Amino acid sequence: MNRDFKTTSIHQKWYTDITYIYMKKDGWTYLPSVMELHNKKILGYTYDVSMTAELAIKAINNTYLNIKDTKGILLHSDLGTQYTSHAFEECSKEKRNSSFF
């Protein structure tokens, strides 16, 4: 995205990240989500006590269930290990073949 996060309508650019939440009972928990950058709406998310690539993938897959036409959407993430993992890359390739990303 070349650090250009501006949009003119919905479903042009999405952002994904993981929020850390400390819980007294469980310790650190993790909430990966996908946000639509035009209206700042959360489109998909998941939650667990382990921060893994599979958790990040589940948030992407949950988003994909809610949005049917994903052609041309750019997805931005940081370079955390969950988003640079082989598993996330494979998921990205699969979604790209389905007009995602």
PDB file of N, CA and C in Angstrom:
ATOM      1  N   MET A   1       0.817  -1.200   0.000  1.00  0.00           N
ATOM      2  CA  MET A   1       0.000   0.000   0.000  1.00  0.00           C
ATOM      3  C   MET A   1       0.859   1.261   0.000  1.00  0.00           C
ATOM      4  N   ASN A   2       2.156   1.094   0.140  1.00  0.00           N
ATOM      5  CA  ASN A   2       3.046   2.251   0.150  1.00  0.00           C
ATOM      6  C   ASN A   2       2.660   3.283   1.207  1.00  0.00           C
ATOM      7  N   ARG A   3       2.166   2.798   2.345  1.00  0.00           N
ATOM      8  CA  ARG A   3       1.756   3.635   3.473  1.00  0.00           C
ATOM      9  C   ARG A   3       0.621   4.588   3.106  1.00  0.00           C
ATOM     10  N   ASP A   4      -0.112   4.251   2.053  1.00  0.00           N
ATOM     11  CA  ASP A   4      -1.274   5.039   1.642  1.00  0.00           C
ATOM     12  C   ASP A   4      -2.525   4.322   2.143  1.00  0.00           C
ATOM     13  N   PHE A   5      -3.065   4.785   3.262  1.00  0.00           N
ATOM     14  CA  PHE A   5      -4.214   4.149   3.879  1.00  0.00           C
ATOM     15  C   PHE A   5      -5.517   4.874   3.559  1.00  0.00           C
ATOM     16  N   LYS A   6      -5.474   5.829   2.635  1.00  0.00           N
ATOM     17  CA  LYS A   6      -6.682   6.554   2.239  1.00  0.00           C
ATOM     18  C   LYS A   6      -7.544   5.683   1.328  1.00  0.00           C
ATOM     19  N   THR A   7      -8.859   5.873   1.442  1.00  0.00           N
ATOM     20  CA  THR A   7      -9.798   5.163   0.586  1.00  0.00           C
ATOM     21  C   THR A   7     -10.889   6.127   0.131  1.00  0.00           C
ATOM     22  N   THR A   8     -11.586   5.757  -0.923  1.00  0.00           N
ATOM     23  CA  THR A   8     -12.721   6.568  -1.391  1.00  0.00           C
ATOM     24  C   THR A   8     -14.039   5.824  -1.230  1.00  0.00           C
ATOM     25  N   SER A   9     -13.968   4.506  -0.944  1.00  0.00           N
ATOM     26  CA  SER A   9     -15.179   3.720  -0.707  1.00  0.00           C
ATOM     27  C   SER A   9     -14.792   2.473   0.085  1.00  0.00           C
ATOM     28  N   ILE A  10     -15.808   1.716   0.472  1.00  0.00           N
ATOM     29  CA  ILE A  10     -15.531   0.504   1.245  1.00  0.00           C
ATOM     30  C   ILE A  10     -14.920  -0.580   0.366  1.00  0.00           C
ATOM     31  N   HIS A  11     -14.264  -1.522   1.031  1.00  0.00           N
ATOM     32  CA  HIS A  11     -13.668  -2.717   0.431  1.00  0.00           C
ATOM     33  C   HIS A  11     -12.609  -2.414  -0.626  1.00  0.00           C
ATOM     34  N   GLN A  12     -11.831  -1.377  -0.363  1.00  0.00           N
ATOM     35  CA  GLN A  12     -10.629  -1.120  -1.158  1.00  0.00           C
ATOM     36  C   GLN A  12      -9.397  -1.620  -0.403  1.00  0.00           C
ATOM     37  N   LYS A  13      -9.360  -1.294   0.909  1.00  0.00           N
ATOM     38  CA  LYS A  13      -8.193  -1.631   1.724  1.00  0.00           C
ATOM     39  C   LYS A  13      -8.646  -2.107   3.098  1.00  0.00           C
ATOM     40  N   TRP A  14      -8.017  -3.196   3.527  1.00  0.00           N
ATOM     41  CA  TRP A  14      -8.271  -3.753   4.852  1.00  0.00           C
ATOM     42  C   TRP A  14      -6.962  -3.806   5.628  1.00  0.00           C
ATOM     43  N   TYR A  15      -7.078  -3.799   6.929  1.00  0.00           N
ATOM     44  CA  TYR A  15      -5.914  -3.862   7.820  1.00  0.00           C
ATOM     45  C   TYR A  15      -6.142  -4.985   8.823  1.00  0.00           C
ATOM     46  N   THR A  16      -5.128  -5.794   9.070  1.00  0.00           N
ATOM     47  CA  THR A  16      -5.240  -6.859  10.055  1.00  0.00           C
ATOM     48  C   THR A  16      -4.137  -6.726  11.097  1.00  0.00           C
ATOM     49  N   ASP A  17      -4.497  -7.005  12.337  1.00  0.00           N
ATOM     50  CA  ASP A  17      -3.542  -6.926  13.438  1.00  0.00           C
ATOM     51  C   ASP A  17      -4.067  -7.756  14.595  1.00  0.00           C
ATOM     52  N   ILE A  18      -3.200  -7.965  15.579  1.00  0.00           N
ATOM     53  CA  ILE A  18      -3.561  -8.750  16.760  1.00  0.00           C
ATOM     54  C   ILE A  18      -3.505  -7.846  17.985  1.00  0.00           C
ATOM     55  N   THR A  19      -4.594  -7.811  18.736  1.00  0.00           N
ATOM     56  CA  THR A  19      -4.658  -7.069  19.989  1.00  0.00           C
ATOM     57  C   THR A  19      -4.387  -8.038  21.136  1.00  0.00           C
ATOM     58  N   TYR A  20      -3.509  -7.620  22.059  1.00  0.00           N
ATOM     59  CA  TYR A  20      -3.204  -8.422  23.237  1.00  0.00           C
ATOM     60  C   TYR A  20      -4.133  -7.968  24.360  1.00  0.00           C
ATOM     61  N   ILE A  21      -4.768  -8.927  25.028  1.00  0.00           N
ATOM     62  CA  ILE A  21      -5.680  -8.615  26.121  1.00  0.00           C
ATOM     63  C   ILE A  21      -5.275  -9.455  27.328  1.00  0.00           C
ATOM     64  N   TYR A  22      -4.979  -8.787  28.438  1.00  0.00           N
ATOM     65  CA  TYR A  22      -4.604  -9.525  29.645  1.00  0.00           C
ATOM     66  C   TYR A  22      -5.854  -9.856  30.455  1.00  0.00           C
ATOM     67  N   MET A  23      -6.008 -11.143  30.756  1.00  0.00           N
ATOM     68  CA  MET A  23      -7.135 -11.618  31.559  1.00  0.00           C
ATOM     69  C   MET A  23      -6.580 -12.210  32.853  1.00  0.00           C
ATOM     70  N   LYS A  24      -7.208 -11.863  33.966  1.00  0.00           N
ATOM     71  CA  LYS A  24      -6.720 -12.341  35.259  1.00  0.00           C
ATOM     72  C   LYS A  24      -6.641 -13.867  35.302  1.00  0.00           C
ATOM     73  N   LYS A  25      -7.666 -14.543  34.778  1.00  0.00           N
ATOM     74  CA  LYS A  25      -7.707 -16.004  34.823  1.00  0.00           C
ATOM     75  C   LYS A  25      -6.728 -16.658  33.845  1.00  0.00           C
ATOM     76  N   ASP A  26      -6.664 -16.162  32.602  1.00  0.00           N
ATOM     77  CA  ASP A  26      -5.914 -16.827  31.542  1.00  0.00           C
ATOM     78  C   ASP A  26      -4.564 -16.193  31.222  1.00  0.00           C
ATOM     79  N   GLY A  27      -4.273 -15.024  31.761  1.00  0.00           N
ATOM     80  CA  GLY A  27      -3.055 -14.313  31.365  1.00  0.00           C
ATOM     81  C   GLY A  27      -3.293 -13.628  30.027  1.00  0.00           C
ATOM     82  N   TRP A  28      -2.269 -13.593  29.180  1.00  0.00           N
ATOM     83  CA  TRP A  28      -2.399 -12.922  27.888  1.00  0.00           C
ATOM     84  C   TRP A  28      -3.278 -13.734  26.951  1.00  0.00           C
ATOM     85  N   THR A  29      -4.205 -13.048  26.307  1.00  0.00           N
ATOM     86  CA  THR A  29      -5.062 -13.623  25.280  1.00  0.00           C
ATOM     87  C   THR A  29      -4.929 -12.756  24.033  1.00  0.00           C
ATOM     88  N   TYR A  30      -5.424 -13.255  22.901  1.00  0.00           N
ATOM     89  CA  TYR A  30      -5.134 -12.598  21.629  1.00  0.00           C
ATOM     90  C   TYR A  30      -6.380 -12.493  20.761  1.00  0.00           C
ATOM     91  N   LEU A  31      -6.562 -11.318  20.187  1.00  0.00           N
ATOM     92  CA  LEU A  31      -7.732 -11.013  19.365  1.00  0.00           C
ATOM     93  C   LEU A  31      -7.272 -10.483  18.002  1.00  0.00           C
ATOM     94  N   PRO A  32      -7.034 -11.375  17.038  1.00  0.00           N
ATOM     95  CA  PRO A  32      -6.743 -10.894  15.689  1.00  0.00           C
ATOM     96  C   PRO A  32      -8.036 -10.450  15.008  1.00  0.00           C
ATOM     97  N   SER A  33      -7.956  -9.362  14.269  1.00  0.00           N
ATOM     98  CA  SER A  33      -9.138  -8.852  13.580  1.00  0.00           C
ATOM     99  C   SER A  33      -8.746  -8.257  12.235  1.00  0.00           C
ATOM    100  N   VAL A  34      -9.761  -8.073  11.401  1.00  0.00           N
ATOM    101  CA  VAL A  34      -9.589  -7.432  10.093  1.00  0.00           C
ATOM    102  C   VAL A  34     -10.508  -6.220  10.071  1.00  0.00           C
ATOM    103  N   MET A  35      -9.915  -5.038   9.815  1.00  0.00           N
ATOM    104  CA  MET A  35     -10.687  -3.799   9.795  1.00  0.00           C
ATOM    105  C   MET A  35     -10.759  -3.244   8.374  1.00  0.00           C
ATOM    106  N   GLU A  36     -11.933  -2.791   7.998  1.00  0.00           N
ATOM    107  CA  GLU A  36     -12.153  -2.104   6.732  1.00  0.00           C
ATOM    108  C   GLU A  36     -11.688  -0.664   6.946  1.00  0.00           C
ATOM    109  N   LEU A  37     -10.737  -0.191   6.159  1.00  0.00           N
ATOM    110  CA  LEU A  37     -10.120   1.117   6.431  1.00  0.00           C
ATOM    111  C   LEU A  37     -11.004   2.312   6.101  1.00  0.00           C
ATOM    112  N   HIS A  38     -11.998   2.164   5.249  1.00  0.00           N
ATOM    113  CA  HIS A  38     -12.829   3.317   4.887  1.00  0.00           C
ATOM    114  C   HIS A  38     -13.757   3.729   6.029  1.00  0.00           C
ATOM    115  N   ASN A  39     -14.418   2.753   6.627  1.00  0.00           N
ATOM    116  CA  ASN A  39     -15.359   3.094   7.705  1.00  0.00           C
ATOM    117  C   ASN A  39     -14.917   2.576   9.071  1.00  0.00           C
ATOM    118  N   LYS A  40     -13.732   1.983   9.146  1.00  0.00           N
ATOM    119  CA  LYS A  40     -13.140   1.470  10.395  1.00  0.00           C
ATOM    120  C   LYS A  40     -13.963   0.348  11.033  1.00  0.00           C
ATOM    121  N   LYS A  41     -14.747  -0.343  10.250  1.00  0.00           N
ATOM    122  CA  LYS A  41     -15.588  -1.436  10.740  1.00  0.00           C
ATOM    123  C   LYS A  41     -14.762  -2.730  10.830  1.00  0.00           C
ATOM    124  N   ILE A  42     -14.941  -3.469  11.927  1.00  0.00           N
ATOM    125  CA  ILE A  42     -14.305  -4.776  12.060  1.00  0.00           C
ATOM    126  C   ILE A  42     -15.138  -5.781  11.266  1.00  0.00           C
ATOM    127  N   LEU A  43     -14.489  -6.444  10.316  1.00  0.00           N
ATOM    128  CA  LEU A  43     -15.189  -7.360   9.416  1.00  0.00           C
ATOM    129  C   LEU A  43     -15.099  -8.813   9.863  1.00  0.00           C
ATOM    130  N   GLY A  44     -14.043  -9.159  10.561  1.00  0.00           N
ATOM    131  CA  GLY A  44     -13.858 -10.526  11.014  1.00  0.00           C
ATOM    132  C   GLY A  44     -12.852 -10.552  12.145  1.00  0.00           C
ATOM    133  N   TYR A  45     -12.990 -11.528  13.011  1.00  0.00           N
ATOM    134  CA  TYR A  45     -12.076 -11.644  14.147  1.00  0.00           C
ATOM    135  C   TYR A  45     -12.167 -13.056  14.718  1.00  0.00           C
ATOM    136  N   THR A  46     -11.276 -13.353  15.629  1.00  0.00           N
ATOM    137  CA  THR A  46     -11.312 -14.561  16.432  1.00  0.00           C
ATOM    138  C   THR A  46     -10.562 -14.270  17.721  1.00  0.00           C
ATOM    139  N   TYR A  47     -10.572 -15.204  18.655  1.00  0.00           N
ATOM    140  CA  TYR A  47      -9.995 -14.955  19.981  1.00  0.00           C
ATOM    141  C   TYR A  47      -9.490 -16.268  20.554  1.00  0.00           C
ATOM    142  N   ASP A  48      -8.311 -16.232  21.213  1.00  0.00           N
ATOM    143  CA  ASP A  48      -7.771 -17.447  21.823  1.00  0.00           C
ATOM    144  C   ASP A  48      -6.667 -17.069  22.811  1.00  0.00           C
ATOM    145  N   VAL A  49      -6.189 -18.088  23.527  1.00  0.00           N
ATOM    146  CA  VAL A  49      -5.115 -17.879  24.498  1.00  0.00           C
ATOM    147  C   VAL A  49      -3.736 -18.105  23.881  1.00  0.00           C
ATOM    148  N   SER A  50      -3.681 -18.571  22.646  1.00  0.00           N
ATOM    149  CA  SER A  50      -2.410 -18.784  21.949  1.00  0.00           C
ATOM    150  C   SER A  50      -2.344 -17.895  20.715  1.00  0.00           C
ATOM    151  N   MET A  51      -1.219 -17.221  20.540  1.00  0.00           N
ATOM    152  CA  MET A  51      -1.036 -16.348  19.384  1.00  0.00           C
ATOM    153  C   MET A  51      -0.263 -17.121  18.315  1.00  0.00           C
ATOM    154  N   THR A  52      -0.999 -17.635  17.341  1.00  0.00           N
ATOM    155  CA  THR A  52      -0.409 -18.472  16.304  1.00  0.00           C
ATOM    156  C   THR A  52      -0.799 -17.959  14.924  1.00  0.00           C
ATOM    157  N   ALA A  53      -0.117 -18.476  13.928  1.00  0.00           N
ATOM    158  CA  ALA A  53      -0.486 -18.153  12.552  1.00  0.00           C
ATOM    159  C   ALA A  53      -1.888 -18.656  12.258  1.00  0.00           C
ATOM    160  N   GLU A  54      -2.241 -19.808  12.808  1.00  0.00           N
ATOM    161  CA  GLU A  54      -3.573 -20.365  12.580  1.00  0.00           C
ATOM    162  C   GLU A  54      -4.661 -19.435  13.123  1.00  0.00           C
ATOM    163  N   LEU A  55      -4.376 -18.754  14.225  1.00  0.00           N
ATOM    164  CA  LEU A  55      -5.345 -17.804  14.783  1.00  0.00           C
ATOM    165  C   LEU A  55      -5.534 -16.623  13.832  1.00  0.00           C
ATOM    166  N   ALA A  56      -4.438 -16.110  13.276  1.00  0.00           N
ATOM    167  CA  ALA A  56      -4.526 -15.018  12.297  1.00  0.00           C
ATOM    168  C   ALA A  56      -5.279 -15.467  11.047  1.00  0.00           C
ATOM    169  N   ILE A  57      -5.038 -16.690  10.621  1.00  0.00           N
ATOM    170  CA  ILE A  57      -5.724 -17.242   9.447  1.00  0.00           C
ATOM    171  C   ILE A  57      -7.221 -17.364   9.717  1.00  0.00           C
ATOM    172  N   LYS A  58      -7.571 -17.778  10.922  1.00  0.00           N
ATOM    173  CA  LYS A  58      -8.996 -17.922  11.260  1.00  0.00           C
ATOM    174  C   LYS A  58      -9.709 -16.571  11.173  1.00  0.00           C
ATOM    175  N   ALA A  59      -9.057 -15.500  11.597  1.00  0.00           N
ATOM    176  CA  ALA A  59      -9.665 -14.162  11.487  1.00  0.00           C
ATOM    177  C   ALA A  59      -9.885 -13.798  10.021  1.00  0.00           C
ATOM    178  N   ILE A  60      -8.919 -14.108   9.167  1.00  0.00           N
ATOM    179  CA  ILE A  60      -9.061 -13.853   7.728  1.00  0.00           C
ATOM    180  C   ILE A  60     -10.210 -14.687   7.162  1.00  0.00           C
ATOM    181  N   ASN A  61     -10.242 -15.962   7.526  1.00  0.00           N
ATOM    182  CA  ASN A  61     -11.306 -16.831   7.023  1.00  0.00           C
ATOM    183  C   ASN A  61     -12.680 -16.370   7.501  1.00  0.00           C
ATOM    184  N   ASN A  62     -12.784 -15.910   8.738  1.00  0.00           N
ATOM    185  CA  ASN A  62     -14.051 -15.388   9.241  1.00  0.00           C
ATOM    186  C   ASN A  62     -14.479 -14.146   8.467  1.00  0.00           C
ATOM    187  N   THR A  63     -13.530 -13.324   8.088  1.00  0.00           N
ATOM    188  CA  THR A  63     -13.825 -12.149   7.271  1.00  0.00           C
ATOM    189  C   THR A  63     -14.334 -12.580   5.900  1.00  0.00           C
ATOM    190  N   TYR A  64     -13.666 -13.543   5.332  1.00  0.00           N
ATOM    191  CA  TYR A  64     -14.029 -14.039   4.004  1.00  0.00           C
ATOM    192  C   TYR A  64     -15.453 -14.598   3.980  1.00  0.00           C
ATOM    193  N   LEU A  65     -15.905 -15.164   5.100  1.00  0.00           N
ATOM    194  CA  LEU A  65     -17.281 -15.671   5.177  1.00  0.00           C
ATOM    195  C   LEU A  65     -18.307 -14.546   5.101  1.00  0.00           C
ATOM    196  N   ASN A  66     -17.946 -13.366   5.601  1.00  0.00           N
ATOM    197  CA  ASN A  66     -18.871 -12.236   5.657  1.00  0.00           C
ATOM    198  C   ASN A  66     -18.891 -11.386   4.397  1.00  0.00           C
ATOM    199  N   ILE A  67     -17.826 -11.423   3.623  1.00  0.00           N
ATOM    200  CA  ILE A  67     -17.693 -10.571   2.438  1.00  0.00           C
ATOM    201  C   ILE A  67     -17.524 -11.478   1.227  1.00  0.00           C
ATOM    202  N   LYS A  68     -18.487 -11.475   0.345  1.00  0.00           N
ATOM    203  CA  LYS A  68     -18.453 -12.397  -0.795  1.00  0.00           C
ATOM    204  C   LYS A  68     -17.619 -11.875  -1.969  1.00  0.00           C
ATOM    205  N   ASP A  69     -17.714 -10.593  -2.289  1.00  0.00           N
ATOM    206  CA  ASP A  69     -16.964 -10.036  -3.416  1.00  0.00           C
ATOM    207  C   ASP A  69     -15.712  -9.363  -2.884  1.00  0.00           C
ATOM    208  N   THR A  70     -14.583 -10.034  -2.993  1.00  0.00           N
ATOM    209  CA  THR A  70     -13.332  -9.532  -2.435  1.00  0.00           C
ATOM    210  C   THR A  70     -12.308  -9.168  -3.504  1.00  0.00           C
ATOM    211  N   LYS A  71     -12.735  -9.113  -4.730  1.00  0.00           N
ATOM    212  CA  LYS A  71     -11.816  -8.825  -5.834  1.00  0.00           C
ATOM    213  C   LYS A  71     -11.194  -7.433  -5.677  1.00  0.00           C
ATOM    214  N   GLY A  72      -9.874  -7.389  -5.754  1.00  0.00           N
ATOM    215  CA  GLY A  72      -9.149  -6.119  -5.742  1.00  0.00           C
ATOM    216  C   GLY A  72      -8.881  -5.516  -4.377  1.00  0.00           C
ATOM    217  N   ILE A  73      -9.318  -6.158  -3.305  1.00  0.00           N
ATOM    218  CA  ILE A  73      -9.091  -5.606  -1.968  1.00  0.00           C
ATOM    219  C   ILE A  73      -7.638  -5.815  -1.566  1.00  0.00           C
ATOM    220  N   LEU A  74      -7.005  -4.773  -1.050  1.00  0.00           N
ATOM    221  CA  LEU A  74      -5.649  -4.865  -0.534  1.00  0.00           C
ATOM    222  C   LEU A  74      -5.713  -5.121   0.965  1.00  0.00           C
ATOM    223  N   LEU A  75      -4.943  -6.086   1.436  1.00  0.00           N
ATOM    224  CA  LEU A  75      -4.884  -6.411   2.860  1.00  0.00           C
ATOM    225  C   LEU A  75      -3.509  -6.053   3.380  1.00  0.00           C
ATOM    226  N   HIS A  76      -3.471  -5.211   4.420  1.00  0.00           N
ATOM    227  CA  HIS A  76      -2.211  -4.797   5.025  1.00  0.00           C
ATOM    228  C   HIS A  76      -2.069  -5.432   6.400  1.00  0.00           C
ATOM    229  N   SER A  77      -0.874  -5.888   6.717  1.00  0.00           N
ATOM    230  CA  SER A  77      -0.564  -6.378   8.056  1.00  0.00           C
ATOM    231  C   SER A  77       0.847  -5.942   8.410  1.00  0.00           C
ATOM    232  N   ASP A  78       1.184  -6.077   9.696  1.00  0.00           N
ATOM    233  CA  ASP A  78       2.570  -5.840  10.066  1.00  0.00           C
ATOM    234  C   ASP A  78       3.379  -7.067   9.651  1.00  0.00           C
ATOM    235  N   LEU A  79       4.636  -7.087  10.005  1.00  0.00           N
ATOM    236  CA  LEU A  79       5.492  -8.205   9.606  1.00  0.00           C
ATOM    237  C   LEU A  79       5.723  -9.175  10.757  1.00  0.00           C
ATOM    238  N   GLY A  80       4.718  -9.295  11.645  1.00  0.00           N
ATOM    239  CA  GLY A  80       4.802 -10.255  12.737  1.00  0.00           C
ATOM    240  C   GLY A  80       4.886 -11.676  12.205  1.00  0.00           C
ATOM    241  N   THR A  81       5.385 -12.573  13.034  1.00  0.00           N
ATOM    242  CA  THR A  81       5.617 -13.944  12.587  1.00  0.00           C
ATOM    243  C   THR A  81       4.335 -14.643  12.144  1.00  0.00           C
ATOM    244  N   GLN A  82       3.201 -14.255  12.711  1.00  0.00           N
ATOM    245  CA  GLN A  82       1.941 -14.885  12.291  1.00  0.00           C
ATOM    246  C   GLN A  82       1.630 -14.544  10.835  1.00  0.00           C
ATOM    247  N   TYR A  83       1.931 -13.317  10.432  1.00  0.00           N
ATOM    248  CA  TYR A  83       1.601 -12.854   9.083  1.00  0.00           C
ATOM    249  C   TYR A  83       2.695 -13.146   8.060  1.00  0.00           C
ATOM    250  N   THR A  84       3.880 -13.502   8.518  1.00  0.00           N
ATOM    251  CA  THR A  84       4.955 -13.855   7.594  1.00  0.00           C
ATOM    252  C   THR A  84       5.209 -15.354   7.573  1.00  0.00           C
ATOM    253  N   SER A  85       4.366 -16.119   8.248  1.00  0.00           N
ATOM    254  CA  SER A  85       4.543 -17.565   8.329  1.00  0.00           C
ATOM    255  C   SER A  85       4.184 -18.242   7.001  1.00  0.00           C
ATOM    256  N   HIS A  86       4.688 -19.446   6.853  1.00  0.00           N
ATOM    257  CA  HIS A  86       4.375 -20.250   5.672  1.00  0.00           C
ATOM    258  C   HIS A  86       2.872 -20.531   5.593  1.00  0.00           C
ATOM    259  N   ALA A  87       2.259 -20.841   6.737  1.00  0.00           N
ATOM    260  CA  ALA A  87       0.818 -21.145   6.761  1.00  0.00           C
ATOM    261  C   ALA A  87      -0.011 -19.944   6.307  1.00  0.00           C
ATOM    262  N   PHE A  88       0.347 -18.737   6.771  1.00  0.00           N
ATOM    263  CA  PHE A  88      -0.399 -17.546   6.364  1.00  0.00           C
ATOM    264  C   PHE A  88      -0.183 -17.261   4.884  1.00  0.00           C
ATOM    265  N   GLU A  89       1.035 -17.480   4.417  1.00  0.00           N
ATOM    266  CA  GLU A  89       1.336 -17.287   2.988  1.00  0.00           C
ATOM    267  C   GLU A  89       0.501 -18.238   2.130  1.00  0.00           C
ATOM    268  N   GLU A  90       0.385 -19.487   2.553  1.00  0.00           N
ATOM    269  CA  GLU A  90      -0.427 -20.456   1.806  1.00  0.00           C
ATOM    270  C   GLU A  90      -1.894 -20.048   1.794  1.00  0.00           C
ATOM    271  N   CYS A  91      -2.393 -19.569   2.935  1.00  0.00           N
ATOM    272  CA  CYS A  91      -3.776 -19.091   3.002  1.00  0.00           C
ATOM    273  C   CYS A  91      -3.955 -17.906   2.057  1.00  0.00           C
ATOM    274  N   SER A  92      -2.997 -17.012   2.037  1.00  0.00           N
ATOM    275  CA  SER A  92      -3.059 -15.838   1.162  1.00  0.00           C
ATOM    276  C   SER A  92      -3.107 -16.246  -0.301  1.00  0.00           C
ATOM    277  N   LYS A  93      -2.291 -17.215  -0.675  1.00  0.00           N
ATOM    278  CA  LYS A  93      -2.293 -17.701  -2.057  1.00  0.00           C
ATOM    279  C   LYS A  93      -3.652 -18.295  -2.415  1.00  0.00           C
ATOM    280  N   GLU A  94      -4.201 -19.080  -1.507  1.00  0.00           N
ATOM    281  CA  GLU A  94      -5.509 -19.697  -1.738  1.00  0.00           C
ATOM    282  C   GLU A  94      -6.584 -18.626  -1.907  1.00  0.00           C
ATOM    283  N   LYS A  95      -6.562 -17.618  -1.055  1.00  0.00           N
ATOM    284  CA  LYS A  95      -7.567 -16.544  -1.126  1.00  0.00           C
ATOM    285  C   LYS A  95      -7.363 -15.709  -2.379  1.00  0.00           C
ATOM    286  N   ARG A  96      -6.109 -15.481  -2.767  1.00  0.00           N
ATOM    287  CA  ARG A  96      -5.856 -14.719  -3.997  1.00  0.00           C
ATOM    288  C   ARG A  96      -6.441 -15.425  -5.201  1.00  0.00           C
ATOM    289  N   ASN A  97      -6.370 -16.754  -5.203  1.00  0.00           N
ATOM    290  CA  ASN A  97      -6.983 -17.513  -6.295  1.00  0.00           C
ATOM    291  C   ASN A  97      -8.495 -17.363  -6.286  1.00  0.00           C
ATOM    292  N   SER A  98      -9.059 -16.947  -5.159  1.00  0.00           N
ATOM    293  CA  SER A  98     -10.487 -16.705  -5.044  1.00  0.00           C
ATOM    294  C   SER A  98     -10.788 -15.209  -5.092  1.00  0.00           C
ATOM    295  N   SER A  99      -9.900 -14.420  -5.668  1.00  0.00           N
ATOM    296  CA  SER A  99     -10.020 -12.969  -5.808  1.00  0.00           C
ATOM    297  C   SER A  99      -9.931 -12.223  -4.481  1.00  0.00           C
ATOM    298  N   PHE A 100      -9.241 -12.792  -3.494  1.00  0.00           N
ATOM    299  CA  PHE A 100      -9.044 -12.123  -2.213  1.00  0.00           C
ATOM    300  C   PHE A 100      -7.641 -11.564  -2.209  1.00  0.00           C
ATOM    301  N   PHE A 101      -7.427 -10.405  -1.665  1.00  0.00           N
ATOM    302  CA  PHE A 101      -6.160  -9.679  -1.567  1.00  0.00           C
ATOM    303  C   PHE A 101      -5.882  -8.953  -2.819  1.00  0.00           C
TER     304      PHE A 101
END
